[in-house]
Structures are given as structure tokens and as C-alpha cells.
Amino acid sequence: MIPIPGKRAYIIDSLKHRGELDLLRSIYKDTLLLFGVFAPDAVRRQRLIDNGTEAAQADTVLNRDQGEIETFGQMTRKIFEESDFFLCNDRKEHDLRSQIDRYLGLLFDSRIHTPTRAESAMYEASAVAVKSACMSRQVGAAIVSNAGELIAVGWNDVPKFGGGLYEEDDQSVIIGDKVQDLDKRCFRYGQRICHNETRRNDLINTIVMRLVDSKKLKKGTGRNDLLDALKGTDIDAIIEYSRSIHAEMEAILSVAREGRHSLVGATLYTTTYPCHNCARHIVASGIKEVIYIEPYKKSLAIALHGDAITEDWHDKSKVLFRQYDGVSPRIYLKLFRVTASRKANGRLLPRDPKSAKPRFRFLLDGFVEYESKVIADLNAKEQSESGDSGGSLLAGERSDEKRPQS
């Protein structure tokens, strides 16, 4: 294949399955940038109707997107969560262009940009999520006051006596002649099981066995038939038996433990849409807005608390739950960390967008070929600086060794 001269960027209109994203990233590494473009469900629904879709069919499309089955569905929401940039397209064209222009300025380092309040808070939430040892999922949350001050963070894990959650620092201690493990998180505690999943499965099995034992089933119906019938029902969404508290709840409780801040009017940033249990605590705490990245199909927040929670941006009478719009936490440091001088002789160093190079680049050559080229370049440079046609030695090279040809 003959390389195409010049610089080119290729735009793929859409990806439909996580496998496609994994394949492209395995080839193009960090140079593949994924934009997650979205709009609130109410806006999407109205757009479908305006384009001639029946209202009932529009609802079917939205419900399908919410509950795609991993085996057969496209799972576009799973891809969306892996985006490098999130972009809400329900705004005016000027605002969209301004947001895209900022993203390009960051990618090419052609202008100085710093994180927005939302980007900083979501990075804090994402960073603290890795402290979770939960076997189901890692979730992080951060609470920002109305004035923009970070006042709390939280992650999902098992609570411990005295307040807070078990952490890596809770090491084993020797009491008498016995070693006692102070870390009681699920992966180290008891049978090392997920208690929610285990108890939920026990509940399903109990229901199935009672129905089988009742002998009131249609002839030929067996245990496996009943298990298949229960799959995909709300019983699979039970979350009440977990030993862990959720990230949002831990963030709220940490404010109570500290006792220095009020949550009234604050904004909560979370990596995952809050469950209905967290939702009622959020409402009661006085938090005015929740911003999330990943949807959470099991949540009944709107169904149970539609009187106090809304996803309508225009409704100011309820707690607003809305999707995150900004730079993804996964590339936060790569974009906002300074990698080149910003000034020369005390003045701002001008940057020409037309000659700017992208931040994310990788070598197209194989590692061995590239190493040979680097060695050749270093040899040439050393010879030029020393004026010695024989060259000089590279680090680690002995005078009696024959240098490999490059």
C-alpha cells in the first residue's frame, strides 16, 4: 500500500458496536478520537415526530435505545460512554461551532484553554471512582457548591465503623496471636461474593421452586422455563441487597461528617446516572442539579420521583438530571497539561493554528525500524558536533563492539 502524501483526517459518521471501537483503537491508538453527540430524550423524540415519525413509534425507538440487548443490539450507548468528547446538539449553531472550535484548539494546542467547572468536577468524580473495589462497577461522584467550590467526593464501596468507607490503607493488624484483616470489602470478606447478585439469584430460585412445588403450572413447564420467563424482568434490576453504599450517597454523607458545608443549591457530578435510592437522597439534600455520563437502565428515579426530578432543561421547579457535555475524563490530563512553553521573552508565544500539530500522534513505523532510525540520527548528530568522522559511542556501547548497521 502506497502512503498518501499530506495530512488527512478521516471522519467516520457513526459506530454501532463496541467491537468496532475496540478494533479501531487497537489500530489507531490515541489518534482515534470519539465524539459522543447527544440530545435530551425529549428533544430527540420531538425531532423524530417533526421528521414524520408517529409518536408511538418514536417512543419505541427511544425505549429500544435505552434497553439494547448486548448479544443482538448495536449497543451504541456502550460506545457513547467511551467518548473522548461529549457534545450536546440541542443548542444554536453558533454555540455548537464555539464548542467544536474549543475542542479543536485543545487537540492542536493552538490556544490556551483551561477546564470548565463541569470538566474539573467530572474528572474528580472519575478519578475517585477507581478507589472502588465493588465487583459490579466503579462509580465516582463529586459535589460542587453553587459558588463552584469542590466540597465532597464519594465512591461506591462498603461502609466501615466510625464513618467513611474501607480503603486500601486498612491493613491487617495482629491482635494477640491472630492476624485480623481490617479491610472488609466484599472481595476480601466472608465468602468473597457479590451479596446483591447472590441474594437476588436466591430470591429468583425461591420463587421458581415454590411455583414448581405448587403443581399449578401448565403441564410440561419446568424450572428452566420459569427462569427464562423471569429474565429481563425488573427482578433482574434489584439493587437493595448490596453491602456497598453508592458514590452519590457517600459524597452526601461526607459533607454531613465534616459539617462545614450546605448542599442546598449544589451540583452533583457522577460517572453514572443515579439509582432511585440515591435519587431520593439527592432530592432531600437540597442539591439542585445532577450531571452524569453513563445511563443506568435500572434506575427508577423519574418513575418514582417525577414530582421532584426532571430531565427537562427548561423545568426550574425540580432537580435537573442531565447528561455531561465536555471533555471526557479519560483524556483530561492529556489535553490540559502544559507540554510546551507558553511564553518567549516574557510575552505570550503566538501559535499559528494552520501549522499546529495534533497532540495525539503515534509512529507508523515498527519499533525496531524506529529504533534504528533514532540510532542513525544520534550518530549523525554526534559526528556533526564532534567533527570526528569516526563518530562517538552511544550509551552502553563498548569500544571493542561492532556497531550494528542501521
Protein backbone atom coordinates (compact mmCIF):
# COMPACT_ATOMS: atom_id res chain seq x y z
CA MET A 1 0.00 0.00 0.00
CA ILE A 2 1.47 3.35 -1.07
CA PRO A 3 1.19 6.04 1.68
CA ILE A 4 -0.96 9.01 0.76
CA PRO A 5 1.10 12.23 0.97
CA GLY A 6 -0.06 15.15 3.05
CA LYS A 7 -2.08 15.39 6.23
CA ARG A 8 -5.57 13.99 6.34
CA ALA A 9 -8.22 13.40 8.95
CA TYR A 10 -10.89 10.81 8.25
CA ILE A 11 -14.34 11.18 9.77
CA ILE A 12 -16.46 8.09 10.42
CA ASP A 13 -20.08 9.15 10.66
CA SER A 14 -21.08 6.66 13.34
CA LEU A 15 -20.12 3.46 15.13
CA LYS A 16 -22.72 0.86 16.02
CA HIS A 17 -20.97 -1.71 18.16
CA ARG A 18 -18.28 -1.76 20.84
CA GLY A 19 -16.28 -4.24 18.77
CA GLU A 20 -15.86 -1.63 16.04
CA LEU A 21 -14.48 0.88 18.53
CA ASP A 22 -12.09 -1.66 20.05
CA LEU A 23 -10.75 -2.61 16.62
CA LEU A 24 -10.19 0.99 15.53
CA ARG A 25 -8.47 1.91 18.80
CA SER A 26 -6.20 -1.12 18.56
CA ILE A 27 -5.00 0.18 15.19
CA TYR A 28 -5.01 3.96 15.56
CA LYS A 29 -4.33 4.26 19.32
CA ASP A 30 -4.82 7.79 20.69
CA THR A 31 -5.16 9.31 17.23
CA LEU A 32 -8.69 7.91 17.09
CA LEU A 33 -10.95 10.47 18.75
CA LEU A 34 -14.54 9.62 19.55
CA PHE A 35 -17.18 12.32 19.77
CA GLY A 36 -20.35 11.41 21.66
CA VAL A 37 -23.08 13.58 20.19
CA PHE A 38 -26.41 13.55 22.02
CA ALA A 39 -29.58 15.44 22.81
CA PRO A 40 -32.08 15.10 25.67
CA ASP A 41 -34.67 12.38 25.04
CA ALA A 42 -37.49 14.91 24.87
CA VAL A 43 -35.66 16.79 22.10
CA ARG A 44 -34.87 13.56 20.24
CA ARG A 45 -38.49 12.49 20.44
CA GLN A 46 -39.74 15.80 19.07
CA ARG A 47 -37.22 15.70 16.23
CA LEU A 48 -38.40 12.23 15.23
CA ILE A 49 -42.01 13.42 15.23
CA ASP A 50 -41.10 16.55 13.23
CA ASN A 51 -39.49 14.28 10.63
CA GLY A 52 -42.70 12.33 10.19
CA THR A 53 -42.36 9.55 12.78
CA GLU A 54 -45.52 8.54 14.63
CA ALA A 55 -45.44 9.40 18.34
CA ALA A 56 -45.81 5.75 19.38
CA GLN A 57 -43.01 4.71 17.04
CA ALA A 58 -40.77 7.49 18.37
CA ASP A 59 -41.30 6.16 21.90
CA THR A 60 -40.42 2.67 20.69
CA VAL A 61 -37.15 3.94 19.22
CA LEU A 62 -36.18 5.69 22.47
CA ASN A 63 -37.08 2.66 24.58
CA ARG A 64 -35.10 0.40 22.26
CA ASP A 65 -32.04 2.61 22.60
CA GLN A 66 -32.36 2.52 26.39
CA GLY A 67 -32.61 -1.26 26.58
CA GLU A 68 -30.49 -2.72 23.80
CA ILE A 69 -29.62 -6.36 24.36
CA GLU A 70 -25.88 -6.85 24.22
CA THR A 71 -25.99 -10.02 22.16
CA PHE A 72 -28.16 -8.70 19.34
CA GLY A 73 -28.39 -4.92 19.76
CA GLN A 74 -25.97 -2.34 18.45
CA MET A 75 -25.14 -1.12 21.97
CA THR A 76 -24.43 2.44 20.81
CA ARG A 77 -24.79 3.67 24.39
CA LYS A 78 -21.86 1.47 25.44
CA ILE A 79 -19.77 3.15 22.75
CA PHE A 80 -21.05 6.57 23.82
CA GLU A 81 -19.65 6.08 27.33
CA GLU A 82 -16.17 5.65 25.83
CA SER A 83 -16.22 9.03 24.07
CA ASP A 84 -13.31 11.46 24.24
CA PHE A 85 -15.59 14.46 23.85
CA PHE A 86 -19.27 14.86 24.68
CA LEU A 87 -21.32 17.30 22.65
CA CYS A 88 -24.97 18.20 23.20
CA ASN A 89 -26.53 19.24 19.91
CA ASP A 90 -29.76 20.86 21.08
CA ARG A 91 -28.19 24.33 21.04
CA LYS A 92 -27.95 27.03 18.42
CA GLU A 93 -25.48 26.51 15.59
CA HIS A 94 -23.26 29.32 16.88
CA ASP A 95 -22.93 27.63 20.28
CA LEU A 96 -22.13 24.28 18.69
CA ARG A 97 -19.46 25.81 16.48
CA SER A 98 -17.96 27.56 19.50
CA GLN A 99 -17.76 24.27 21.42
CA ILE A 100 -16.21 22.40 18.48
CA ASP A 101 -13.73 25.25 17.95
CA ARG A 102 -12.66 24.92 21.59
CA TYR A 103 -12.18 21.16 21.19
CA LEU A 104 -10.02 21.72 18.11
CA GLY A 105 -7.99 24.33 19.96
CA LEU A 106 -7.33 21.78 22.67
CA LEU A 107 -6.46 18.99 20.23
CA PHE A 108 -3.93 21.09 18.36
CA ASP A 109 -2.77 23.11 21.37
CA SER A 110 -3.28 26.22 19.24
CA ARG A 111 -4.87 28.23 22.05
CA ILE A 112 -4.69 28.27 25.81
CA HIS A 113 -7.75 26.63 27.32
CA THR A 114 -8.36 25.55 30.90
CA PRO A 115 -11.02 23.12 32.17
CA THR A 116 -14.58 24.27 32.71
CA ARG A 117 -16.14 23.81 36.14
CA ALA A 118 -18.02 20.77 34.83
CA GLU A 119 -14.89 19.22 33.30
CA SER A 120 -12.90 19.62 36.52
CA ALA A 121 -15.70 18.19 38.66
CA MET A 122 -16.30 15.22 36.37
CA TYR A 123 -12.59 14.47 36.35
CA GLU A 124 -12.64 14.46 40.17
CA ALA A 125 -15.60 12.06 40.10
CA SER A 126 -13.90 9.80 37.58
CA ALA A 127 -10.58 9.85 39.45
CA VAL A 128 -12.13 8.87 42.78
CA ALA A 129 -14.16 6.07 41.14
CA VAL A 130 -11.02 3.95 40.86
CA LYS A 131 -10.94 3.67 44.67
CA SER A 132 -13.99 1.41 44.47
CA ALA A 133 -13.40 -2.32 44.89
CA CYS A 134 -17.02 -3.14 44.05
CA MET A 135 -17.23 -6.27 41.89
CA SER A 136 -20.15 -4.89 39.88
CA ARG A 137 -19.00 -1.46 38.75
CA GLN A 138 -16.88 1.51 39.78
CA VAL A 139 -18.75 4.78 40.25
CA GLY A 140 -17.46 8.15 41.40
CA ALA A 141 -19.22 11.34 42.44
CA ALA A 142 -18.20 14.92 43.20
CA ILE A 143 -20.27 17.73 44.67
CA VAL A 144 -19.62 21.36 43.77
CA SER A 145 -21.16 24.27 45.66
CA ASN A 146 -23.19 26.95 43.97
CA ALA A 147 -20.05 29.12 44.06
CA GLY A 148 -18.03 26.46 42.21
CA GLU A 149 -16.10 25.04 45.18
CA LEU A 150 -15.47 21.30 45.33
CA ILE A 151 -16.93 20.27 48.69
CA ALA A 152 -17.16 16.48 48.54
CA VAL A 153 -16.27 13.32 46.64
CA GLY A 154 -17.52 9.77 47.02
CA TRP A 155 -17.23 6.31 45.51
CA ASN A 156 -19.21 3.10 45.87
CA ASP A 157 -17.91 0.68 48.48
CA VAL A 158 -18.58 -0.92 51.86
CA PRO A 159 -19.02 1.43 54.88
CA LYS A 160 -16.89 0.91 57.98
CA PHE A 161 -17.36 1.59 61.66
CA GLY A 162 -16.53 5.17 62.62
CA GLY A 163 -17.60 6.61 59.29
CA GLY A 164 -16.42 6.50 55.71
CA LEU A 165 -15.58 3.51 53.57
CA TYR A 166 -13.00 0.74 53.71
CA GLU A 167 -9.90 1.63 51.73
CA GLU A 168 -6.58 0.15 50.63
CA ASP A 169 -4.96 1.69 53.71
CA ASP A 170 -7.00 -0.53 56.04
CA GLN A 171 -4.26 -3.08 56.55
CA SER A 172 -4.21 -6.24 58.64
CA VAL A 173 -3.25 -5.98 62.32
CA ILE A 174 -2.03 -8.54 64.84
CA ILE A 175 -4.28 -8.91 67.87
CA GLY A 176 -2.83 -11.37 70.37
CA ASP A 177 -1.64 -14.28 68.31
CA LYS A 178 -4.12 -13.75 65.47
CA VAL A 179 -4.00 -11.65 62.33
CA GLN A 180 -7.14 -9.60 61.83
CA ASP A 181 -7.93 -8.17 58.43
CA LEU A 182 -9.35 -4.65 58.82
CA ASP A 183 -10.41 -4.46 55.16
CA LYS A 184 -13.93 -5.90 54.97
CA ARG A 185 -14.72 -5.10 51.36
CA CYS A 186 -16.61 -7.82 49.51
CA PHE A 187 -13.62 -9.17 47.60
CA ARG A 188 -11.91 -9.96 50.92
CA TYR A 189 -14.86 -10.55 53.25
CA GLY A 190 -16.65 -13.79 54.10
CA GLN A 191 -17.21 -15.92 51.02
CA ARG A 192 -15.95 -13.13 48.74
CA ILE A 193 -19.21 -12.85 46.84
CA CYS A 194 -21.39 -10.10 45.43
CA HIS A 195 -24.14 -10.13 48.04
CA ASN A 196 -26.67 -8.30 45.89
CA GLU A 197 -26.34 -10.73 42.97
CA THR A 198 -26.25 -13.78 45.24
CA ARG A 199 -29.36 -12.79 47.22
CA ARG A 200 -31.19 -11.75 44.06
CA ASN A 201 -30.49 -15.14 42.50
CA ASP A 202 -31.59 -16.86 45.72
CA LEU A 203 -34.84 -14.91 45.56
CA ILE A 204 -35.43 -15.95 41.95
CA ASN A 205 -34.70 -19.58 42.76
CA THR A 206 -37.08 -19.48 45.74
CA ILE A 207 -39.90 -18.11 43.58
CA VAL A 208 -39.25 -20.68 40.86
CA MET A 209 -39.10 -23.63 43.27
CA ARG A 210 -42.32 -22.60 45.01
CA LEU A 211 -44.10 -22.38 41.69
CA VAL A 212 -42.77 -25.80 40.68
CA ASP A 213 -43.73 -27.31 44.04
CA SER A 214 -47.21 -25.79 43.84
CA LYS A 215 -48.00 -28.12 40.89
CA LYS A 216 -50.23 -25.40 39.44
CA LEU A 217 -48.11 -24.85 36.37
CA LYS A 218 -49.10 -25.82 32.89
CA LYS A 219 -48.09 -29.39 32.15
CA GLY A 220 -44.60 -29.59 30.72
CA THR A 221 -43.44 -26.32 32.27
CA GLY A 222 -40.20 -26.84 34.17
CA ARG A 223 -37.74 -24.90 36.24
CA ASN A 224 -35.68 -23.73 33.27
CA ASP A 225 -38.81 -22.44 31.54
CA LEU A 226 -39.61 -20.29 34.57
CA LEU A 227 -36.06 -18.98 34.80
CA ASP A 228 -36.17 -17.98 31.14
CA ALA A 229 -39.51 -16.24 31.68
CA LEU A 230 -38.08 -14.14 34.51
CA LYS A 231 -35.04 -13.00 32.54
CA GLY A 232 -35.17 -9.35 31.60
CA THR A 233 -37.89 -8.51 34.14
CA ASP A 234 -37.49 -5.93 36.89
CA ILE A 235 -36.40 -8.65 39.27
CA ASP A 236 -33.03 -8.54 37.49
CA ALA A 237 -32.79 -4.87 38.45
CA ILE A 238 -32.97 -5.37 42.22
CA ILE A 239 -30.16 -3.43 43.91
CA GLU A 240 -31.31 -3.49 47.53
CA TYR A 241 -29.01 -6.20 48.89
CA SER A 242 -25.62 -4.64 48.21
CA ARG A 243 -23.22 -4.10 51.14
CA SER A 244 -21.79 -1.08 49.36
CA ILE A 245 -23.26 2.37 49.58
CA HIS A 246 -23.36 4.29 46.34
CA ALA A 247 -20.96 7.05 45.33
CA GLU A 248 -23.61 9.78 45.45
CA MET A 249 -24.69 8.78 48.96
CA GLU A 250 -21.10 8.66 50.23
CA ALA A 251 -20.45 12.14 48.82
CA ILE A 252 -23.55 13.49 50.58
CA LEU A 253 -22.66 11.73 53.85
CA SER A 254 -19.09 13.04 53.75
CA VAL A 255 -20.47 16.57 53.87
CA ALA A 256 -22.53 15.62 56.93
CA ARG A 257 -19.46 14.11 58.63
CA GLU A 258 -17.43 17.24 58.03
CA GLY A 259 -20.26 19.59 58.96
CA ARG A 260 -18.86 22.68 57.20
CA HIS A 261 -20.95 23.00 54.07
CA SER A 262 -24.55 23.13 52.91
CA LEU A 263 -25.75 21.10 49.94
CA VAL A 264 -28.61 23.45 49.12
CA GLY A 265 -28.14 24.67 45.56
CA ALA A 266 -25.13 22.43 44.91
CA THR A 267 -24.44 20.37 41.77
CA LEU A 268 -23.55 16.68 41.90
CA TYR A 269 -21.37 15.19 39.17
CA THR A 270 -21.43 11.42 38.84
CA THR A 271 -19.98 8.96 36.37
CA THR A 272 -23.27 7.02 36.28
CA TYR A 273 -26.93 8.09 36.35
CA PRO A 274 -28.13 7.84 39.99
CA CYS A 275 -30.31 4.93 41.07
CA HIS A 276 -33.72 5.63 42.56
CA ASN A 277 -32.37 5.11 46.09
CA CYS A 278 -29.71 7.79 45.63
CA ALA A 279 -32.19 9.98 43.79
CA ARG A 280 -34.45 10.45 46.81
CA HIS A 281 -31.45 11.33 48.99
CA ILE A 282 -30.30 13.84 46.37
CA VAL A 283 -33.71 15.49 46.38
CA ALA A 284 -33.87 15.62 50.17
CA SER A 285 -30.35 17.08 50.46
CA GLY A 286 -31.21 20.21 48.50
CA ILE A 287 -28.93 19.50 45.53
CA LYS A 288 -30.35 21.34 42.53
CA GLU A 289 -28.68 19.55 39.61
CA VAL A 290 -27.12 16.19 38.74
CA ILE A 291 -24.78 15.74 35.77
CA TYR A 292 -23.85 12.22 34.65
CA ILE A 293 -22.05 10.36 31.84
CA GLU A 294 -23.30 6.77 31.78
CA PRO A 295 -27.04 6.00 31.64
CA TYR A 296 -28.34 3.46 34.16
CA LYS A 297 -31.27 1.43 32.93
CA LYS A 298 -32.12 0.05 36.38
CA SER A 299 -32.84 3.49 37.81
CA LEU A 300 -36.47 4.36 38.53
CA ALA A 301 -35.61 7.91 39.57
CA ILE A 302 -38.07 9.61 37.21
CA ALA A 303 -40.77 6.94 37.57
CA LEU A 304 -40.78 7.17 41.38
CA HIS A 305 -39.86 10.83 41.87
CA GLY A 306 -41.21 12.59 38.80
CA ASP A 307 -42.72 15.18 41.14
CA ALA A 308 -39.24 16.32 42.22
CA ILE A 309 -36.85 15.23 39.43
CA THR A 310 -36.84 16.22 35.78
CA GLU A 311 -34.71 15.71 32.68
CA ASP A 312 -36.24 18.79 31.03
CA TRP A 313 -33.66 21.57 30.95
CA HIS A 314 -36.40 24.22 30.98
CA ASP A 315 -38.07 22.99 34.18
CA LYS A 316 -36.65 25.04 37.06
CA SER A 317 -39.06 23.68 39.67
CA LYS A 318 -37.33 20.30 40.08
CA VAL A 319 -33.89 18.74 40.44
CA LEU A 320 -32.45 18.55 36.95
CA PHE A 321 -30.76 15.32 35.83
CA ARG A 322 -28.81 15.98 32.63
CA GLN A 323 -26.06 14.36 30.59
CA TYR A 324 -22.49 15.60 30.73
CA ASP A 325 -21.21 17.92 27.99
CA GLY A 326 -17.45 18.48 27.79
CA VAL A 327 -14.02 16.86 27.60
CA SER A 328 -14.04 13.25 28.78
CA PRO A 329 -12.16 12.48 32.00
CA ARG A 330 -10.24 9.79 30.09
CA ILE A 331 -8.20 12.45 28.20
CA TYR A 332 -8.48 15.30 30.71
CA LEU A 333 -4.82 15.39 31.73
CA LYS A 334 -3.57 14.80 28.20
CA LEU A 335 -5.37 17.90 26.95
CA PHE A 336 -4.95 20.31 29.83
CA ARG A 337 -1.40 19.51 30.99
CA VAL A 338 1.12 22.00 29.59
CA THR A 339 3.55 20.29 27.21
CA ALA A 340 5.21 23.31 25.54
CA SER A 341 6.32 26.77 26.61
CA ARG A 342 3.56 29.36 26.60
CA LYS A 343 5.83 32.39 26.51
CA ALA A 344 9.05 33.76 24.99
CA ASN A 345 10.92 36.75 26.42
CA GLY A 346 8.11 37.31 28.87
CA ARG A 347 5.42 37.54 26.20
CA LEU A 348 2.72 35.13 25.12
CA LEU A 349 4.13 32.89 22.41
CA PRO A 350 1.92 33.18 19.32
CA ARG A 351 0.60 29.95 17.87
CA ASP A 352 -0.41 29.55 14.26
CA PRO A 353 -3.42 27.19 14.02
CA LYS A 354 -2.53 26.39 10.40
CA SER A 355 0.86 24.95 11.32
CA ALA A 356 -0.17 23.41 14.65
CA LYS A 357 0.37 19.70 15.11
CA PRO A 358 -2.13 17.47 16.87
CA ARG A 359 -1.33 16.49 20.46
CA PHE A 360 -2.10 12.84 19.79
CA ARG A 361 0.34 11.21 17.40
CA PHE A 362 1.95 7.79 17.14
CA LEU A 363 4.63 6.26 14.99
CA LEU A 364 3.60 4.36 11.89
CA ASP A 365 6.95 2.53 11.77
CA GLY A 366 7.63 -0.67 13.67
CA PHE A 367 9.53 -0.24 16.94
CA VAL A 368 12.68 -1.95 15.61
CA GLU A 369 12.74 0.22 12.49
CA TYR A 370 12.18 3.35 14.52
CA GLU A 371 14.94 2.47 16.98
CA SER A 372 17.35 2.03 14.07
CA LYS A 373 16.40 5.44 12.71
CA VAL A 374 16.88 7.08 16.11
CA ILE A 375 20.32 5.49 16.48
CA ALA A 376 21.30 6.66 12.98
CA ASP A 377 20.12 10.20 13.73
CA LEU A 378 22.03 10.28 17.03
CA ASN A 379 25.20 9.01 15.36
CA ALA A 380 24.92 11.65 12.66
CA LYS A 381 24.35 14.37 15.23
CA GLU A 382 27.31 13.29 17.36
CA GLN A 383 29.58 13.14 14.34
CA SER A 384 28.47 16.60 13.26
CA GLU A 385 29.04 18.12 16.72
CA SER A 386 32.41 16.43 17.33
CA GLY A 387 33.75 16.85 13.81
CA ASP A 388 35.05 13.31 14.12
CA SER A 389 34.26 11.21 11.11
CA GLY A 390 34.59 8.15 13.30
CA GLY A 391 31.69 9.30 15.48
CA SER A 392 31.31 8.74 19.20
CA LEU A 393 29.94 5.99 21.34
CA LEU A 394 26.31 5.66 22.30
CA ALA A 395 25.42 4.95 25.92
CA GLY A 396 26.18 1.37 26.86
CA GLU A 397 28.31 0.65 23.75
CA ARG A 398 31.81 -0.78 24.22
CA SER A 399 34.74 0.33 22.10
CA ASP A 400 35.51 -3.24 21.10
CA GLU A 401 31.97 -3.96 19.95
CA LYS A 402 31.00 -3.67 16.34
CA ARG A 403 28.12 -1.22 15.98
CA PRO A 404 25.14 -2.73 14.13
CA GLN A 405 24.34 -1.20 10.79
CA SER A 406 21.20 0.95 10.69
